[in-house]
Amino acid sequence: MKIWIDDIRKAPSGYVWCRSTNEAKYVISRAKDIEIIDMDHDAGDYAKDGGDYIKVLDWLVETDQRYPIKIHSMNPVGVDNMRRLLNRYGFTEVII
């Protein structure tokens, strides 16, 4: 399964689209064979439903889950913060 986490940009073909942090947690917790999680940083209007998407990374660390992560955020500070978490906790960052 490929998971796309973004409130604005539509998911590419073949991805499950999650618009909020809580929705992403729900999908991830029930998914089998996650191939990649492709994520934004800023949740915009959906921030009220679990916070910005970096909270998904926090939750993955707390629940000891590691999947390949691709960051597609346009927020340079958010990207840097997410990359620090990826590096600190041993995630594989996919750069395409």
N, C-alpha and C. Protein backbone atom coordinates (compact mmCIF):
# COMPACT_ATOMS: atom_id res chain seq x y z
N MET A 1 0.83 -1.18 0.00
CA MET A 1 0.00 0.00 0.00
C MET A 1 0.88 1.25 0.00
N LYS A 2 0.47 2.25 -0.74
CA LYS A 2 1.12 3.55 -0.76
C LYS A 2 0.16 4.56 -0.14
N ILE A 3 0.67 5.36 0.79
CA ILE A 3 -0.18 6.31 1.51
C ILE A 3 0.29 7.73 1.21
N TRP A 4 -0.66 8.59 0.85
CA TRP A 4 -0.41 9.99 0.54
C TRP A 4 -1.08 10.82 1.62
N ILE A 5 -0.29 11.65 2.33
CA ILE A 5 -0.83 12.47 3.41
C ILE A 5 -0.70 13.94 3.02
N ASP A 6 -1.82 14.56 2.71
CA ASP A 6 -1.83 15.95 2.24
C ASP A 6 -3.27 16.44 2.24
N ASP A 7 -3.49 17.65 2.67
CA ASP A 7 -4.85 18.18 2.70
C ASP A 7 -5.25 18.87 1.41
N ILE A 8 -4.31 19.24 0.58
CA ILE A 8 -4.61 20.01 -0.63
C ILE A 8 -4.33 19.23 -1.91
N ARG A 9 -3.11 18.72 -2.03
CA ARG A 9 -2.73 18.01 -3.25
C ARG A 9 -3.38 16.63 -3.28
N LYS A 10 -4.04 16.34 -4.39
CA LYS A 10 -4.69 15.03 -4.54
C LYS A 10 -3.65 13.94 -4.66
N ALA A 11 -4.00 12.77 -4.18
CA ALA A 11 -3.09 11.62 -4.22
C ALA A 11 -2.88 11.16 -5.66
N PRO A 12 -1.65 10.80 -5.98
CA PRO A 12 -1.40 10.19 -7.29
C PRO A 12 -2.11 8.85 -7.40
N SER A 13 -2.29 8.41 -8.60
CA SER A 13 -2.92 7.10 -8.83
C SER A 13 -2.16 6.02 -8.07
N GLY A 14 -2.91 5.15 -7.42
CA GLY A 14 -2.31 4.04 -6.69
C GLY A 14 -2.05 4.32 -5.22
N TYR A 15 -2.33 5.52 -4.78
CA TYR A 15 -2.13 5.91 -3.38
C TYR A 15 -3.47 6.03 -2.65
N VAL A 16 -3.46 5.75 -1.35
CA VAL A 16 -4.60 6.03 -0.48
C VAL A 16 -4.39 7.45 0.06
N TRP A 17 -5.39 8.30 -0.12
CA TRP A 17 -5.27 9.72 0.25
C TRP A 17 -5.81 9.94 1.66
N CYS A 18 -4.95 10.47 2.54
CA CYS A 18 -5.33 10.84 3.90
C CYS A 18 -5.19 12.35 4.02
N ARG A 19 -6.24 13.02 4.49
CA ARG A 19 -6.22 14.48 4.57
C ARG A 19 -5.89 15.00 5.97
N SER A 20 -5.95 14.16 6.98
CA SER A 20 -5.65 14.61 8.34
C SER A 20 -4.71 13.62 9.03
N THR A 21 -4.09 14.10 10.09
CA THR A 21 -3.21 13.23 10.88
C THR A 21 -3.97 12.05 11.46
N ASN A 22 -5.15 12.30 12.01
CA ASN A 22 -5.93 11.20 12.59
C ASN A 22 -6.36 10.19 11.53
N GLU A 23 -6.72 10.67 10.35
CA GLU A 23 -7.08 9.76 9.26
C GLU A 23 -5.87 8.91 8.86
N ALA A 24 -4.70 9.54 8.79
CA ALA A 24 -3.48 8.80 8.43
C ALA A 24 -3.17 7.72 9.46
N LYS A 25 -3.28 8.05 10.74
CA LYS A 25 -3.04 7.07 11.79
C LYS A 25 -4.01 5.89 11.66
N TYR A 26 -5.26 6.19 11.38
CA TYR A 26 -6.27 5.15 11.22
C TYR A 26 -5.91 4.22 10.06
N VAL A 27 -5.57 4.80 8.92
CA VAL A 27 -5.23 4.00 7.74
C VAL A 27 -3.97 3.18 7.99
N ILE A 28 -2.94 3.80 8.54
CA ILE A 28 -1.68 3.10 8.80
C ILE A 28 -1.90 1.95 9.78
N SER A 29 -2.68 2.18 10.81
CA SER A 29 -2.88 1.14 11.83
C SER A 29 -3.62 -0.07 11.31
N ARG A 30 -4.32 0.07 10.20
CA ARG A 30 -5.08 -1.04 9.63
C ARG A 30 -4.49 -1.57 8.33
N ALA A 31 -3.41 -0.95 7.88
CA ALA A 31 -2.81 -1.32 6.60
C ALA A 31 -1.90 -2.54 6.74
N LYS A 32 -1.78 -3.24 5.64
CA LYS A 32 -0.82 -4.34 5.54
C LYS A 32 0.15 -3.99 4.41
N ASP A 33 1.39 -4.31 4.60
CA ASP A 33 2.40 -4.13 3.56
C ASP A 33 2.47 -2.69 3.04
N ILE A 34 2.81 -1.76 3.92
CA ILE A 34 2.97 -0.36 3.51
C ILE A 34 4.29 -0.24 2.75
N GLU A 35 4.19 0.21 1.53
CA GLU A 35 5.37 0.37 0.66
C GLU A 35 6.05 1.72 0.88
N ILE A 36 5.24 2.77 1.04
CA ILE A 36 5.77 4.12 1.23
C ILE A 36 4.68 5.00 1.82
N ILE A 37 5.12 5.98 2.63
CA ILE A 37 4.25 7.04 3.10
C ILE A 37 4.82 8.33 2.55
N ASP A 38 4.05 9.00 1.70
CA ASP A 38 4.47 10.23 1.04
C ASP A 38 3.69 11.36 1.70
N MET A 39 4.40 12.30 2.35
CA MET A 39 3.69 13.23 3.21
C MET A 39 4.11 14.68 3.10
N ASP A 40 3.13 15.53 3.36
CA ASP A 40 3.30 16.97 3.48
C ASP A 40 3.62 17.26 4.96
N HIS A 41 3.88 18.51 5.28
CA HIS A 41 4.08 18.90 6.67
C HIS A 41 2.87 19.63 7.24
N ASP A 42 2.36 20.61 6.51
CA ASP A 42 1.31 21.49 7.02
C ASP A 42 -0.08 20.92 6.74
N ALA A 43 -0.87 20.81 7.79
CA ALA A 43 -2.20 20.22 7.64
C ALA A 43 -3.29 21.24 7.34
N GLY A 44 -2.99 22.52 7.34
CA GLY A 44 -3.98 23.54 7.00
C GLY A 44 -5.24 23.42 7.82
N ASP A 45 -6.40 23.44 7.15
CA ASP A 45 -7.69 23.34 7.84
C ASP A 45 -7.85 22.03 8.59
N TYR A 46 -7.08 21.02 8.23
CA TYR A 46 -7.21 19.71 8.87
C TYR A 46 -6.35 19.59 10.14
N ALA A 47 -5.63 20.65 10.49
CA ALA A 47 -4.78 20.61 11.70
C ALA A 47 -5.62 20.33 12.95
N LYS A 48 -6.88 20.73 12.93
CA LYS A 48 -7.75 20.49 14.09
C LYS A 48 -8.02 19.00 14.29
N ASP A 49 -7.69 18.19 13.29
CA ASP A 49 -7.92 16.75 13.36
C ASP A 49 -6.60 16.00 13.55
N GLY A 50 -5.83 16.42 14.57
CA GLY A 50 -4.62 15.69 14.91
C GLY A 50 -3.33 16.47 14.79
N GLY A 51 -3.37 17.70 14.33
CA GLY A 51 -2.15 18.50 14.21
C GLY A 51 -1.51 18.38 12.84
N ASP A 52 -0.38 19.07 12.68
CA ASP A 52 0.36 18.99 11.43
C ASP A 52 0.89 17.57 11.23
N TYR A 53 1.26 17.26 10.01
CA TYR A 53 1.59 15.88 9.66
C TYR A 53 2.87 15.35 10.29
N ILE A 54 3.70 16.23 10.83
CA ILE A 54 4.88 15.74 11.57
C ILE A 54 4.43 14.89 12.76
N LYS A 55 3.21 15.12 13.23
CA LYS A 55 2.65 14.32 14.33
C LYS A 55 2.49 12.85 13.93
N VAL A 56 2.34 12.59 12.64
CA VAL A 56 2.29 11.20 12.16
C VAL A 56 3.65 10.54 12.43
N LEU A 57 4.73 11.28 12.16
CA LEU A 57 6.07 10.73 12.43
C LEU A 57 6.26 10.49 13.93
N ASP A 58 5.82 11.44 14.74
CA ASP A 58 5.91 11.26 16.20
C ASP A 58 5.19 9.98 16.63
N TRP A 59 4.00 9.77 16.09
CA TRP A 59 3.19 8.59 16.42
C TRP A 59 3.88 7.31 15.94
N LEU A 60 4.46 7.34 14.75
CA LEU A 60 5.18 6.16 14.25
C LEU A 60 6.34 5.80 15.17
N VAL A 61 7.05 6.81 15.67
CA VAL A 61 8.14 6.57 16.62
C VAL A 61 7.58 5.97 17.91
N GLU A 62 6.53 6.58 18.45
CA GLU A 62 5.92 6.10 19.70
C GLU A 62 5.43 4.66 19.60
N THR A 63 4.95 4.28 18.43
CA THR A 63 4.39 2.94 18.24
C THR A 63 5.39 1.98 17.59
N ASP A 64 6.65 2.44 17.48
CA ASP A 64 7.75 1.63 16.95
C ASP A 64 7.45 1.06 15.56
N GLN A 65 7.00 1.93 14.67
CA GLN A 65 6.74 1.55 13.29
C GLN A 65 7.67 2.35 12.39
N ARG A 66 8.30 1.70 11.46
CA ARG A 66 9.20 2.38 10.52
C ARG A 66 8.83 1.98 9.10
N TYR A 67 8.51 2.98 8.29
CA TYR A 67 8.21 2.76 6.88
C TYR A 67 9.03 3.74 6.06
N PRO A 68 9.30 3.44 4.81
CA PRO A 68 9.96 4.44 3.96
C PRO A 68 9.07 5.69 3.86
N ILE A 69 9.70 6.85 4.02
CA ILE A 69 8.98 8.12 4.02
C ILE A 69 9.52 9.01 2.90
N LYS A 70 8.60 9.62 2.16
CA LYS A 70 8.96 10.66 1.20
C LYS A 70 8.26 11.93 1.65
N ILE A 71 8.99 13.03 1.69
CA ILE A 71 8.43 14.31 2.10
C ILE A 71 8.23 15.16 0.84
N HIS A 72 7.00 15.65 0.66
CA HIS A 72 6.73 16.51 -0.50
C HIS A 72 6.27 17.91 -0.07
N SER A 73 6.62 18.33 1.11
CA SER A 73 6.20 19.63 1.64
C SER A 73 6.95 20.77 0.97
N MET A 74 6.27 21.91 0.86
CA MET A 74 6.88 23.13 0.34
C MET A 74 7.38 24.02 1.49
N ASN A 75 7.24 23.55 2.72
CA ASN A 75 7.64 24.30 3.91
C ASN A 75 9.07 23.89 4.28
N PRO A 76 10.08 24.72 3.97
CA PRO A 76 11.47 24.31 4.21
C PRO A 76 11.80 24.04 5.68
N VAL A 77 11.23 24.81 6.60
CA VAL A 77 11.48 24.58 8.02
C VAL A 77 10.82 23.27 8.45
N GLY A 78 9.59 23.04 7.98
CA GLY A 78 8.90 21.79 8.28
C GLY A 78 9.65 20.58 7.74
N VAL A 79 10.18 20.70 6.52
CA VAL A 79 10.95 19.60 5.92
C VAL A 79 12.18 19.32 6.76
N ASP A 80 12.90 20.36 7.18
CA ASP A 80 14.09 20.16 8.02
C ASP A 80 13.73 19.46 9.32
N ASN A 81 12.64 19.87 9.95
CA ASN A 81 12.21 19.23 11.20
C ASN A 81 11.85 17.77 10.99
N MET A 82 11.16 17.48 9.90
CA MET A 82 10.78 16.10 9.60
C MET A 82 12.03 15.25 9.32
N ARG A 83 12.96 15.80 8.57
CA ARG A 83 14.20 15.06 8.26
C ARG A 83 15.01 14.75 9.52
N ARG A 84 15.01 15.69 10.45
CA ARG A 84 15.72 15.42 11.72
C ARG A 84 15.11 14.21 12.42
N LEU A 85 13.78 14.13 12.44
CA LEU A 85 13.13 12.97 13.05
C LEU A 85 13.45 11.69 12.29
N LEU A 86 13.39 11.76 10.97
CA LEU A 86 13.70 10.57 10.17
C LEU A 86 15.10 10.06 10.48
N ASN A 87 16.06 10.97 10.49
CA ASN A 87 17.46 10.58 10.75
C ASN A 87 17.66 10.09 12.18
N ARG A 88 17.05 10.78 13.12
CA ARG A 88 17.22 10.42 14.53
C ARG A 88 16.68 9.04 14.86
N TYR A 89 15.57 8.66 14.22
CA TYR A 89 14.90 7.42 14.58
C TYR A 89 15.01 6.32 13.53
N GLY A 90 15.89 6.47 12.57
CA GLY A 90 16.20 5.38 11.67
C GLY A 90 15.20 5.08 10.58
N PHE A 91 14.45 6.10 10.16
CA PHE A 91 13.57 5.92 9.01
C PHE A 91 14.39 5.96 7.73
N THR A 92 13.87 5.38 6.68
CA THR A 92 14.47 5.49 5.36
C THR A 92 13.74 6.61 4.63
N GLU A 93 14.47 7.65 4.23
CA GLU A 93 13.85 8.71 3.43
C GLU A 93 14.00 8.39 1.96
N VAL A 94 12.89 8.42 1.26
CA VAL A 94 12.88 8.19 -0.17
C VAL A 94 12.98 9.53 -0.86
N ILE A 95 13.99 9.69 -1.68
CA ILE A 95 14.18 10.93 -2.43
C ILE A 95 14.11 10.58 -3.91
N ILE A 96 13.09 11.14 -4.57
CA ILE A 96 12.91 10.84 -5.98
C ILE A 96 13.03 12.11 -6.78
